[in-house]
Protein backbone atom coordinates (compact mmCIF):
# COMPACT_ATOMS: atom_id res chain seq x y z
CA UNK A 1 -2.24 24.70 -3.15
CA UNK A 2 -1.87 21.97 -0.58
CA UNK A 3 -1.25 18.25 -0.65
CA UNK A 4 -3.95 15.69 0.12
CA UNK A 5 -3.96 12.03 1.04
CA UNK A 6 -6.13 9.98 -1.33
CA UNK A 7 -7.80 6.58 -1.26
CA UNK A 8 -4.76 4.40 -1.86
CA UNK A 9 -3.73 5.17 1.74
CA UNK A 10 -6.84 3.40 3.04
CA UNK A 11 -5.90 0.05 4.61
CA UNK A 12 -2.22 0.63 3.79
CA UNK A 13 -1.35 3.56 6.09
CA UNK A 14 2.35 3.73 5.44
CA UNK A 15 3.68 6.50 7.67
CA UNK A 16 6.98 7.31 5.96
CA UNK A 17 5.48 10.72 5.11
CA UNK A 18 4.98 11.88 8.69
CA UNK A 19 8.68 11.85 9.57
CA UNK A 20 9.68 14.17 6.73
CA UNK A 21 6.91 16.75 7.20
CA UNK A 22 8.50 19.95 8.55
CA UNK A 23 5.19 21.26 9.95
CA UNK A 24 3.69 18.03 11.38
CA UNK A 25 0.42 18.38 9.45
CA UNK A 26 -0.50 14.67 9.28
CA UNK A 27 -3.39 13.24 11.28
CA UNK A 28 -4.11 9.56 11.90
CA UNK A 29 -7.33 7.68 11.36
CA UNK A 30 -7.92 4.02 12.08
CA UNK A 31 -6.91 2.97 8.56
CA UNK A 32 -5.51 6.03 6.77
CA UNK A 33 -3.77 9.36 7.25
CA UNK A 34 -4.89 12.85 6.23
CA UNK A 35 -3.14 16.21 5.80
CA UNK A 36 -4.50 19.39 7.39
CA UNK A 37 -4.75 21.69 4.34
CA UNK A 38 -4.32 24.89 6.37
CA UNK A 39 -1.16 23.59 8.07
CA UNK A 40 0.50 22.17 4.94
CA UNK A 41 3.12 24.55 3.52
CA UNK A 42 3.09 22.90 0.07
CA UNK A 43 6.74 21.87 0.25
CA UNK A 44 6.04 18.47 -1.32
CA UNK A 45 8.61 16.46 0.62
CA UNK A 46 5.95 13.95 1.69
CA UNK A 47 4.78 13.03 -1.82
CA UNK A 48 7.79 10.92 -2.90
CA UNK A 49 7.98 9.26 0.54
CA UNK A 50 4.61 7.48 0.15
CA UNK A 51 5.15 3.90 -1.09
CA UNK A 52 1.46 3.75 -2.09
CA UNK A 53 1.65 7.03 -4.06
CA UNK A 54 -1.44 8.23 -2.17
CA UNK A 55 -0.26 11.82 -1.63
CA UNK A 56 -1.15 14.26 -4.41
CA UNK A 57 -1.20 18.03 -4.92
CA UNK A 58 -4.78 19.28 -4.67
CA UNK A 59 -4.37 20.97 -8.04
CA UNK A 60 -4.73 17.63 -9.84
CA UNK A 61 -8.19 17.21 -11.41
CA UNK A 62 -10.85 15.39 -9.40
CA UNK A 63 -9.32 15.78 -5.94
CA UNK A 64 -11.93 18.15 -4.48
CA UNK A 65 -13.58 15.39 -2.43
CA UNK A 66 -10.17 14.44 -1.02
CA UNK A 67 -9.46 18.02 -0.02
CA UNK A 68 -12.78 18.08 1.85
CA UNK A 69 -12.12 14.70 3.50
CA UNK A 70 -8.60 15.75 4.56
CA UNK A 71 -9.97 19.00 6.01
CA UNK A 72 -12.80 17.29 7.89
CA UNK A 73 -10.81 14.47 9.46
CA UNK A 74 -7.66 16.46 10.24
CA UNK A 75 -9.90 18.42 12.62
CA UNK A 76 -11.11 15.19 14.30
CA UNK A 77 -8.16 12.81 14.32
CA UNK A 78 -4.95 12.97 16.44
CA UNK A 79 -1.69 14.34 15.09
CA UNK A 80 0.98 11.85 14.05
CA UNK A 81 4.65 12.79 13.71
CA UNK A 82 6.45 9.47 14.26
CA UNK A 83 6.65 6.61 11.77
CA UNK A 84 4.78 3.41 12.66
CA UNK A 85 4.51 0.05 10.92
CA UNK A 86 2.11 -0.02 8.01
CA UNK A 87 -1.11 -2.00 8.35
CA UNK A 88 -0.67 -5.79 8.02
CA UNK A 89 -2.73 -5.85 4.81
CA UNK A 90 -0.85 -2.93 3.18
CA UNK A 91 0.85 -4.93 0.42
CA UNK A 92 -2.38 -6.74 -0.46
CA UNK A 93 -4.46 -3.52 -0.46
CA UNK A 94 -2.02 -1.30 -2.38
CA UNK A 95 -3.63 -0.40 -5.69
CA UNK A 96 -7.11 -1.73 -4.90
CA UNK A 97 -9.74 0.61 -6.35
CA UNK A 98 -12.85 1.95 -4.63
CA UNK A 99 -11.37 1.85 -1.14
CA UNK A 100 -13.17 4.99 0.06
CA UNK A 101 -16.60 3.45 -0.44
CA UNK A 102 -15.63 -0.04 0.73
CA UNK A 103 -13.12 0.41 3.54
CA UNK A 104 -12.84 3.98 4.87
CA UNK A 105 -13.19 4.22 8.65
CA UNK A 106 -14.07 7.54 10.32
CA UNK A 107 -12.61 6.26 13.61
CA UNK A 108 -9.48 8.01 14.88
CA UNK A 109 -6.10 6.35 15.11
CA UNK A 110 -3.90 6.57 18.19
CA UNK A 111 -1.61 9.40 17.06
CA UNK A 112 1.78 9.79 18.71
């Protein structure tokens, strides 16, 4: 098992989770974060830290595509270990459905 970041992170990108991760397995895209599944130690400390509730265990049904997305982009995007401000539209975008298809950006973030 590992944890994955799902679509509610898109265009919110709260980074509370990165500061509590003991293995620094978060990676930053332009408008979301991902977890490297092979680096995650399944401790779960990040899950309750996410205000958008976007972090889920990959054992929940229907998260296969998110596991693949987290794996792919954690290999491309820079590591992030320090909390940053959320995106300006985070409050407005929290809970919006269909964000992967409408708003996902494959561009990397800046990392630390």
